[in-house]
Amino acid sequence: MGCCQSSFLTESHPEKEHGHNRQSHHSHTHCLSTQTHPPSVGLDPSFFEFSFSDFKAATDNFNSDFIVSESGEKAPNLVYKGRLHNRRWIAIKKFTKVAWPDPKQFADEALGVVKLRHQRLANLIGYCCDGYERLLVAEYLPNDTLAKHLFHWENQTIV
């Protein structure tokens, strides 16, 4: 099992929320197995590696009141709504511990997905691979999930 490591670029913010006064996420990060690799060229500067404690604070310790998408047989992962220290709303997808055992593979997949950007998509803004925790964070869109709009349309009125 590897560890997560980031470059030395750290953002700090003067806002204080939940007793914290520092944003502890890093840009240009890499999840490493046992060797250190230089930062990749061309990474999106708005893509961050967050700590698990950032997400615990943003979701009130993953309180069930913050769940916006339930897990099921086909999607065993939970999605939480959260608020960062800078007051930005985010959506956090928390994967099961067995879904991504290799932290480098998880980070590589996240770095690949971040390249897909569009104004009509909830863009990926970061990830966390802290111990056995694997989480993706995206912009929060408040109008329910895509699955609800696609598969539960019979309950919606036509406009």
N, C-alpha and C. Protein backbone atom coordinates (compact mmCIF):
# COMPACT_ATOMS: atom_id res chain seq x y z
N MET A 1 0.85 -1.17 0.00
CA MET A 1 0.00 0.00 0.00
C MET A 1 0.90 1.23 0.00
N GLY A 2 0.52 2.22 -0.68
CA GLY A 2 1.33 3.43 -0.80
C GLY A 2 0.83 4.55 0.07
N CYS A 3 1.37 5.70 -0.20
CA CYS A 3 0.95 6.88 0.54
C CYS A 3 0.65 7.99 -0.44
N CYS A 4 -0.01 9.01 0.03
CA CYS A 4 -0.31 10.15 -0.81
C CYS A 4 0.69 11.25 -0.51
N GLN A 5 1.15 11.89 -1.54
CA GLN A 5 2.11 12.96 -1.36
C GLN A 5 1.75 14.07 -2.31
N SER A 6 2.02 15.28 -1.91
CA SER A 6 1.71 16.40 -2.79
C SER A 6 2.92 17.31 -2.88
N SER A 7 2.83 18.24 -3.83
CA SER A 7 3.89 19.23 -3.92
C SER A 7 3.74 20.20 -2.76
N PHE A 8 4.54 21.18 -2.71
CA PHE A 8 4.55 22.08 -1.58
C PHE A 8 3.62 23.26 -1.75
N LEU A 9 2.69 23.19 -2.69
CA LEU A 9 1.75 24.28 -2.91
C LEU A 9 0.55 24.10 -1.99
N THR A 10 0.44 24.94 -0.99
CA THR A 10 -0.66 24.85 -0.05
C THR A 10 -1.40 26.16 -0.05
N GLU A 11 -2.72 26.09 -0.09
CA GLU A 11 -3.53 27.29 0.00
C GLU A 11 -3.95 27.48 1.44
N SER A 12 -3.95 28.71 1.90
CA SER A 12 -4.51 28.98 3.21
C SER A 12 -5.48 30.13 3.07
N HIS A 13 -6.52 30.08 3.89
CA HIS A 13 -7.58 31.07 3.84
C HIS A 13 -7.83 31.61 5.25
N PRO A 14 -8.13 32.89 5.37
CA PRO A 14 -8.35 33.46 6.69
C PRO A 14 -9.71 33.11 7.27
N GLU A 15 -10.65 32.57 6.48
CA GLU A 15 -11.97 32.28 7.00
C GLU A 15 -11.87 31.24 8.10
N LYS A 16 -12.71 31.39 9.10
CA LYS A 16 -12.75 30.41 10.17
C LYS A 16 -14.14 29.79 10.18
N GLU A 17 -14.18 28.47 10.05
CA GLU A 17 -15.44 27.75 10.08
C GLU A 17 -15.18 26.43 10.79
N HIS A 18 -16.03 26.06 11.70
CA HIS A 18 -15.90 24.84 12.48
C HIS A 18 -14.58 24.81 13.24
N GLY A 19 -14.10 25.98 13.65
CA GLY A 19 -12.88 26.02 14.44
C GLY A 19 -11.60 25.85 13.65
N HIS A 20 -11.66 25.79 12.33
CA HIS A 20 -10.45 25.64 11.52
C HIS A 20 -10.16 26.96 10.84
N ASN A 21 -8.89 27.27 10.70
CA ASN A 21 -8.54 28.51 10.04
C ASN A 21 -7.64 28.29 8.83
N ARG A 22 -7.50 27.05 8.39
CA ARG A 22 -6.63 26.78 7.26
C ARG A 22 -7.23 25.76 6.32
N GLN A 23 -7.11 26.01 5.06
CA GLN A 23 -7.54 25.07 4.03
C GLN A 23 -6.39 24.11 3.82
N SER A 24 -6.57 22.83 4.04
CA SER A 24 -5.45 21.91 3.96
C SER A 24 -5.54 21.02 2.73
N HIS A 25 -5.70 21.64 1.59
CA HIS A 25 -5.63 20.86 0.36
C HIS A 25 -4.51 21.40 -0.49
N HIS A 26 -4.04 20.55 -1.36
CA HIS A 26 -2.85 20.85 -2.14
C HIS A 26 -3.16 20.70 -3.62
N SER A 27 -2.52 21.55 -4.43
CA SER A 27 -2.68 21.36 -5.87
C SER A 27 -1.47 20.60 -6.40
N HIS A 28 -1.60 20.09 -7.60
CA HIS A 28 -0.54 19.32 -8.26
C HIS A 28 -0.09 18.16 -7.39
N THR A 29 -1.01 17.26 -7.09
CA THR A 29 -0.70 16.16 -6.19
C THR A 29 -0.58 14.85 -6.93
N HIS A 30 0.07 13.92 -6.28
CA HIS A 30 0.23 12.59 -6.83
C HIS A 30 0.13 11.59 -5.70
N CYS A 31 -0.58 10.53 -5.93
CA CYS A 31 -0.67 9.45 -4.96
C CYS A 31 0.39 8.43 -5.36
N LEU A 32 1.28 8.15 -4.47
CA LEU A 32 2.45 7.36 -4.83
C LEU A 32 2.44 6.01 -4.15
N SER A 33 3.04 5.02 -4.79
CA SER A 33 3.18 3.73 -4.15
C SER A 33 4.42 3.77 -3.26
N THR A 34 5.57 3.52 -3.81
CA THR A 34 6.78 3.57 -2.98
C THR A 34 7.83 4.51 -3.54
N GLN A 35 7.67 4.96 -4.77
CA GLN A 35 8.65 5.85 -5.36
C GLN A 35 8.05 7.24 -5.54
N THR A 36 8.90 8.24 -5.44
CA THR A 36 8.46 9.61 -5.67
C THR A 36 8.65 9.94 -7.14
N HIS A 37 7.61 10.50 -7.74
CA HIS A 37 7.67 10.90 -9.14
C HIS A 37 7.52 12.41 -9.22
N PRO A 38 8.15 13.04 -10.20
CA PRO A 38 7.99 14.49 -10.33
C PRO A 38 6.56 14.84 -10.70
N PRO A 39 6.09 16.05 -10.37
CA PRO A 39 4.74 16.46 -10.73
C PRO A 39 4.54 16.40 -12.23
N SER A 40 3.33 16.01 -12.64
CA SER A 40 3.01 15.95 -14.07
C SER A 40 2.88 17.35 -14.63
N VAL A 41 3.29 17.50 -15.86
CA VAL A 41 3.17 18.78 -16.54
C VAL A 41 1.75 18.90 -17.07
N GLY A 42 1.17 20.09 -16.98
CA GLY A 42 -0.14 20.33 -17.55
C GLY A 42 -1.32 19.97 -16.67
N LEU A 43 -1.09 19.72 -15.38
CA LEU A 43 -2.22 19.45 -14.49
C LEU A 43 -3.05 20.70 -14.31
N ASP A 44 -4.35 20.52 -14.17
CA ASP A 44 -5.25 21.63 -13.93
C ASP A 44 -4.94 22.22 -12.55
N PRO A 45 -4.61 23.51 -12.46
CA PRO A 45 -4.26 24.10 -11.17
C PRO A 45 -5.43 24.17 -10.20
N SER A 46 -6.66 23.95 -10.67
CA SER A 46 -7.81 23.97 -9.77
C SER A 46 -8.17 22.57 -9.28
N PHE A 47 -7.34 21.59 -9.54
CA PHE A 47 -7.55 20.22 -9.08
C PHE A 47 -6.71 19.98 -7.84
N PHE A 48 -7.33 19.49 -6.77
CA PHE A 48 -6.67 19.41 -5.48
C PHE A 48 -6.73 18.01 -4.90
N GLU A 49 -5.76 17.72 -4.05
CA GLU A 49 -5.85 16.56 -3.18
C GLU A 49 -6.27 17.09 -1.82
N PHE A 50 -7.36 16.57 -1.31
CA PHE A 50 -7.88 16.99 -0.01
C PHE A 50 -7.52 15.94 1.03
N SER A 51 -7.51 16.36 2.28
CA SER A 51 -7.31 15.41 3.36
C SER A 51 -8.68 14.87 3.78
N PHE A 52 -8.68 13.71 4.39
CA PHE A 52 -9.93 13.12 4.87
C PHE A 52 -10.57 14.02 5.92
N SER A 53 -9.76 14.70 6.71
CA SER A 53 -10.30 15.61 7.73
C SER A 53 -11.02 16.80 7.10
N ASP A 54 -10.60 17.23 5.90
CA ASP A 54 -11.33 18.29 5.18
C ASP A 54 -12.77 17.85 4.93
N PHE A 55 -12.93 16.61 4.48
CA PHE A 55 -14.26 16.11 4.15
C PHE A 55 -15.08 15.81 5.40
N LYS A 56 -14.42 15.37 6.46
CA LYS A 56 -15.15 15.16 7.72
C LYS A 56 -15.73 16.48 8.21
N ALA A 57 -14.94 17.55 8.12
CA ALA A 57 -15.41 18.87 8.55
C ALA A 57 -16.52 19.37 7.63
N ALA A 58 -16.38 19.14 6.33
CA ALA A 58 -17.36 19.63 5.35
C ALA A 58 -18.70 18.94 5.47
N THR A 59 -18.73 17.71 5.97
CA THR A 59 -19.97 16.92 6.04
C THR A 59 -20.42 16.65 7.47
N ASP A 60 -19.88 17.38 8.43
CA ASP A 60 -20.19 17.15 9.84
C ASP A 60 -19.97 15.68 10.19
N ASN A 61 -18.77 15.21 9.91
CA ASN A 61 -18.33 13.84 10.18
C ASN A 61 -19.17 12.81 9.40
N PHE A 62 -19.46 13.12 8.14
CA PHE A 62 -20.25 12.27 7.25
C PHE A 62 -21.62 11.96 7.87
N ASN A 63 -22.23 13.00 8.38
CA ASN A 63 -23.57 12.92 8.97
C ASN A 63 -24.57 12.47 7.90
N SER A 64 -25.49 11.60 8.26
CA SER A 64 -26.47 11.08 7.29
C SER A 64 -27.37 12.18 6.73
N ASP A 65 -27.49 13.31 7.42
CA ASP A 65 -28.27 14.44 6.90
C ASP A 65 -27.65 15.04 5.65
N PHE A 66 -26.37 14.77 5.41
CA PHE A 66 -25.66 15.33 4.27
C PHE A 66 -25.65 14.38 3.06
N ILE A 67 -26.27 13.21 3.17
CA ILE A 67 -26.31 12.27 2.05
C ILE A 67 -27.27 12.78 1.00
N VAL A 68 -26.80 12.88 -0.24
CA VAL A 68 -27.65 13.33 -1.35
C VAL A 68 -27.93 12.21 -2.34
N SER A 69 -27.20 11.12 -2.27
CA SER A 69 -27.42 9.99 -3.16
C SER A 69 -27.17 8.71 -2.39
N GLU A 70 -28.21 7.90 -2.29
CA GLU A 70 -28.11 6.64 -1.56
C GLU A 70 -27.38 5.60 -2.40
N SER A 71 -26.80 4.66 -1.71
CA SER A 71 -26.15 3.57 -2.43
C SER A 71 -27.18 2.49 -2.74
N GLY A 72 -26.84 1.65 -3.65
CA GLY A 72 -27.71 0.54 -4.04
C GLY A 72 -26.87 -0.59 -4.56
N GLU A 73 -27.53 -1.60 -5.12
CA GLU A 73 -26.79 -2.75 -5.64
C GLU A 73 -25.86 -2.36 -6.78
N LYS A 74 -26.33 -1.50 -7.67
CA LYS A 74 -25.51 -1.13 -8.83
C LYS A 74 -24.55 0.01 -8.52
N ALA A 75 -24.82 0.77 -7.49
CA ALA A 75 -23.95 1.89 -7.11
C ALA A 75 -23.78 1.85 -5.59
N PRO A 76 -22.82 1.05 -5.09
CA PRO A 76 -22.69 0.87 -3.64
C PRO A 76 -22.00 2.02 -2.92
N ASN A 77 -21.87 3.16 -3.56
CA ASN A 77 -21.15 4.29 -2.97
C ASN A 77 -22.13 5.38 -2.57
N LEU A 78 -21.77 6.14 -1.56
CA LEU A 78 -22.60 7.25 -1.10
C LEU A 78 -22.06 8.56 -1.62
N VAL A 79 -22.96 9.51 -1.85
CA VAL A 79 -22.57 10.86 -2.23
C VAL A 79 -23.10 11.80 -1.15
N TYR A 80 -22.22 12.64 -0.65
CA TYR A 80 -22.55 13.61 0.39
C TYR A 80 -22.46 15.02 -0.16
N LYS A 81 -23.27 15.89 0.38
CA LYS A 81 -23.13 17.33 0.13
C LYS A 81 -22.27 17.86 1.26
N GLY A 82 -21.38 18.78 0.95
CA GLY A 82 -20.54 19.36 1.98
C GLY A 82 -20.20 20.79 1.67
N ARG A 83 -19.62 21.45 2.65
CA ARG A 83 -19.22 22.84 2.47
C ARG A 83 -17.80 23.01 2.97
N LEU A 84 -16.94 23.46 2.08
CA LEU A 84 -15.53 23.67 2.43
C LEU A 84 -15.37 24.90 3.31
N HIS A 85 -14.17 25.07 3.85
CA HIS A 85 -13.87 26.22 4.69
C HIS A 85 -14.07 27.54 3.96
N ASN A 86 -13.87 27.53 2.65
CA ASN A 86 -14.06 28.76 1.87
C ASN A 86 -15.52 28.97 1.48
N ARG A 87 -16.43 28.17 2.05
CA ARG A 87 -17.88 28.27 1.90
C ARG A 87 -18.37 27.73 0.56
N ARG A 88 -17.54 27.09 -0.19
CA ARG A 88 -17.92 26.50 -1.47
C ARG A 88 -18.63 25.17 -1.23
N TRP A 89 -19.80 24.97 -1.87
CA TRP A 89 -20.54 23.72 -1.78
C TRP A 89 -19.91 22.69 -2.70
N ILE A 90 -19.79 21.46 -2.20
CA ILE A 90 -19.17 20.38 -2.95
C ILE A 90 -20.01 19.10 -2.82
N ALA A 91 -19.80 18.19 -3.74
CA ALA A 91 -20.37 16.84 -3.67
C ALA A 91 -19.20 15.88 -3.50
N ILE A 92 -19.30 15.00 -2.52
CA ILE A 92 -18.22 14.07 -2.20
C ILE A 92 -18.72 12.65 -2.40
N LYS A 93 -18.09 11.93 -3.30
CA LYS A 93 -18.44 10.53 -3.52
C LYS A 93 -17.47 9.67 -2.74
N LYS A 94 -18.02 8.90 -1.81
CA LYS A 94 -17.21 8.06 -0.93
C LYS A 94 -17.32 6.62 -1.41
N PHE A 95 -16.21 6.06 -1.85
CA PHE A 95 -16.19 4.71 -2.38
C PHE A 95 -16.00 3.69 -1.26
N THR A 96 -16.42 2.46 -1.51
CA THR A 96 -16.19 1.41 -0.54
C THR A 96 -14.69 1.13 -0.47
N LYS A 97 -14.25 0.59 0.63
CA LYS A 97 -12.82 0.36 0.84
C LYS A 97 -12.22 -0.62 -0.17
N VAL A 98 -13.03 -1.53 -0.70
CA VAL A 98 -12.50 -2.53 -1.64
C VAL A 98 -12.57 -2.06 -3.09
N ALA A 99 -13.24 -0.95 -3.35
CA ALA A 99 -13.41 -0.49 -4.74
C ALA A 99 -12.09 -0.08 -5.38
N TRP A 100 -11.22 0.56 -4.63
CA TRP A 100 -9.95 1.05 -5.16
C TRP A 100 -8.83 0.70 -4.17
N PRO A 101 -8.34 -0.53 -4.14
CA PRO A 101 -7.30 -0.87 -3.18
C PRO A 101 -5.96 -0.19 -3.45
N ASP A 102 -5.68 0.13 -4.71
CA ASP A 102 -4.39 0.74 -5.06
C ASP A 102 -4.53 2.26 -5.13
N PRO A 103 -3.90 3.00 -4.22
CA PRO A 103 -4.05 4.46 -4.21
C PRO A 103 -3.49 5.13 -5.47
N LYS A 104 -2.44 4.57 -6.06
CA LYS A 104 -1.89 5.17 -7.28
C LYS A 104 -2.88 5.04 -8.43
N GLN A 105 -3.51 3.89 -8.55
CA GLN A 105 -4.51 3.70 -9.61
C GLN A 105 -5.68 4.67 -9.41
N PHE A 106 -6.11 4.85 -8.17
CA PHE A 106 -7.21 5.77 -7.89
C PHE A 106 -6.82 7.20 -8.29
N ALA A 107 -5.62 7.62 -7.91
CA ALA A 107 -5.16 8.97 -8.25
C ALA A 107 -5.03 9.13 -9.76
N ASP A 108 -4.51 8.12 -10.44
CA ASP A 108 -4.38 8.19 -11.90
C ASP A 108 -5.74 8.32 -12.57
N GLU A 109 -6.73 7.56 -12.08
CA GLU A 109 -8.09 7.65 -12.64
C GLU A 109 -8.67 9.04 -12.40
N ALA A 110 -8.48 9.57 -11.20
CA ALA A 110 -8.99 10.91 -10.88
C ALA A 110 -8.34 11.96 -11.77
N LEU A 111 -7.04 11.84 -11.97
CA LEU A 111 -6.33 12.79 -12.84
C LEU A 111 -6.80 12.69 -14.29
N GLY A 112 -7.21 11.50 -14.70
CA GLY A 112 -7.75 11.34 -16.05
C GLY A 112 -9.12 11.96 -16.19
N VAL A 113 -9.96 11.79 -15.17
CA VAL A 113 -11.33 12.33 -15.22
C VAL A 113 -11.33 13.86 -15.15
N VAL A 114 -10.38 14.44 -14.45
CA VAL A 114 -10.37 15.90 -14.29
C VAL A 114 -10.22 16.62 -15.63
N LYS A 115 -9.71 15.93 -16.63
CA LYS A 115 -9.55 16.54 -17.96
C LYS A 115 -10.89 16.73 -18.66
N LEU A 116 -11.92 16.03 -18.21
CA LEU A 116 -13.26 16.16 -18.79
C LEU A 116 -13.97 17.32 -18.12
N ARG A 117 -14.01 18.45 -18.77
CA ARG A 117 -14.62 19.65 -18.21
C ARG A 117 -15.65 20.20 -19.18
N HIS A 118 -16.79 20.62 -18.63
CA HIS A 118 -17.83 21.22 -19.45
C HIS A 118 -18.74 22.03 -18.53
N GLN A 119 -19.30 23.11 -19.07
CA GLN A 119 -20.15 23.98 -18.26
C GLN A 119 -21.42 23.28 -17.80
N ARG A 120 -21.84 22.22 -18.48
CA ARG A 120 -23.07 21.51 -18.10
C ARG A 120 -22.80 20.27 -17.25
N LEU A 121 -21.56 20.07 -16.85
CA LEU A 121 -21.20 18.94 -16.01
C LEU A 121 -20.79 19.42 -14.62
N ALA A 122 -20.98 18.56 -13.65
CA ALA A 122 -20.42 18.81 -12.32
C ALA A 122 -18.95 18.41 -12.42
N ASN A 123 -18.09 19.38 -12.54
CA ASN A 123 -16.67 19.11 -12.77
C ASN A 123 -15.98 18.61 -11.51
N LEU A 124 -15.08 17.66 -11.70
CA LEU A 124 -14.27 17.13 -10.62
C LEU A 124 -13.28 18.20 -10.18
N ILE A 125 -13.19 18.43 -8.87
CA ILE A 125 -12.25 19.44 -8.37
C ILE A 125 -11.17 18.85 -7.48
N GLY A 126 -11.29 17.57 -7.14
CA GLY A 126 -10.26 16.97 -6.31
C GLY A 126 -10.57 15.56 -5.89
N TYR A 127 -9.70 15.04 -5.05
CA TYR A 127 -9.84 13.67 -4.57
C TYR A 127 -9.13 13.53 -3.23
N CYS A 128 -9.33 12.37 -2.62
CA CYS A 128 -8.65 12.04 -1.38
C CYS A 128 -8.34 10.56 -1.40
N CYS A 129 -7.10 10.20 -1.15
CA CYS A 129 -6.74 8.80 -0.92
C CYS A 129 -5.90 8.79 0.35
N ASP A 130 -6.60 8.70 1.45
CA ASP A 130 -6.01 8.79 2.78
C ASP A 130 -6.21 7.44 3.48
N GLY A 131 -5.15 6.68 3.63
CA GLY A 131 -5.28 5.33 4.19
C GLY A 131 -6.11 4.48 3.24
N TYR A 132 -7.20 3.92 3.75
CA TYR A 132 -8.10 3.13 2.91
C TYR A 132 -9.25 3.95 2.36
N GLU A 133 -9.31 5.22 2.65
CA GLU A 133 -10.39 6.08 2.17
C GLU A 133 -10.12 6.52 0.74
N ARG A 134 -11.14 6.42 -0.11
CA ARG A 134 -11.06 6.86 -1.50
C ARG A 134 -12.29 7.71 -1.78
N LEU A 135 -12.06 9.00 -2.03
CA LEU A 135 -13.16 9.93 -2.25
C LEU A 135 -12.86 10.83 -3.43
N LEU A 136 -13.90 11.16 -4.19
CA LEU A 136 -13.81 12.15 -5.25
C LEU A 136 -14.68 13.33 -4.85
N VAL A 137 -14.25 14.53 -5.21
CA VAL A 137 -15.04 15.72 -4.90
C VAL A 137 -15.28 16.50 -6.19
N ALA A 138 -16.53 16.93 -6.34
CA ALA A 138 -16.94 17.67 -7.53
C ALA A 138 -17.73 18.90 -7.12
N GLU A 139 -17.99 19.76 -8.08
CA GLU A 139 -18.86 20.90 -7.85
C GLU A 139 -20.24 20.35 -7.46
N TYR A 140 -20.88 21.00 -6.52
CA TYR A 140 -22.21 20.55 -6.09
C TYR A 140 -23.27 21.19 -6.98
N LEU A 141 -24.16 20.35 -7.51
CA LEU A 141 -25.30 20.82 -8.29
C LEU A 141 -26.56 20.43 -7.51
N PRO A 142 -27.39 21.40 -7.13
CA PRO A 142 -28.48 21.15 -6.18
C PRO A 142 -29.74 20.49 -6.73
N ASN A 143 -29.85 20.21 -8.00
CA ASN A 143 -31.11 19.72 -8.58
C ASN A 143 -31.20 18.21 -8.68
N ASP A 144 -30.96 17.50 -7.60
CA ASP A 144 -31.04 16.04 -7.54
C ASP A 144 -29.98 15.38 -8.41
N THR A 145 -30.02 14.06 -8.44
CA THR A 145 -29.02 13.31 -9.19
C THR A 145 -29.50 13.08 -10.62
N LEU A 146 -28.56 12.81 -11.49
CA LEU A 146 -28.89 12.51 -12.87
C LEU A 146 -29.74 11.24 -12.95
N ALA A 147 -29.44 10.26 -12.12
CA ALA A 147 -30.21 9.01 -12.11
C ALA A 147 -31.68 9.27 -11.80
N LYS A 148 -31.96 10.16 -10.86
CA LYS A 148 -33.36 10.48 -10.54
C LYS A 148 -34.06 11.10 -11.73
N HIS A 149 -33.37 11.95 -12.46
CA HIS A 149 -33.97 12.59 -13.63
C HIS A 149 -34.15 11.61 -14.79
N LEU A 150 -33.24 10.67 -14.93
CA LEU A 150 -33.33 9.72 -16.03
C LEU A 150 -34.29 8.56 -15.77
N PHE A 151 -34.28 8.04 -14.55
CA PHE A 151 -35.00 6.80 -14.28
C PHE A 151 -36.27 6.96 -13.47
N HIS A 152 -36.53 8.13 -12.95
CA HIS A 152 -37.76 8.37 -12.18
C HIS A 152 -38.55 9.50 -12.80
N TRP A 153 -38.53 9.58 -14.10
CA TRP A 153 -39.20 10.66 -14.82
C TRP A 153 -40.70 10.56 -14.71
N GLU A 154 -41.25 9.37 -14.43
CA GLU A 154 -42.71 9.23 -14.37
C GLU A 154 -43.32 10.04 -13.21
N ASN A 155 -42.51 10.40 -12.22
CA ASN A 155 -42.99 11.19 -11.09
C ASN A 155 -42.86 12.69 -11.31
N GLN A 156 -42.33 13.10 -12.46
CA GLN A 156 -42.09 14.52 -12.72
C GLN A 156 -43.16 15.06 -13.66
N THR A 157 -43.46 16.33 -13.48
CA THR A 157 -44.41 16.98 -14.38
C THR A 157 -43.68 17.47 -15.62
N ILE A 158 -44.37 17.48 -16.73
CA ILE A 158 -43.77 17.96 -17.98
C ILE A 158 -43.97 19.46 -18.06
N VAL A 159 -42.89 20.16 -18.34
CA VAL A 159 -42.94 21.63 -18.42
C VAL A 159 -43.03 22.07 -19.85
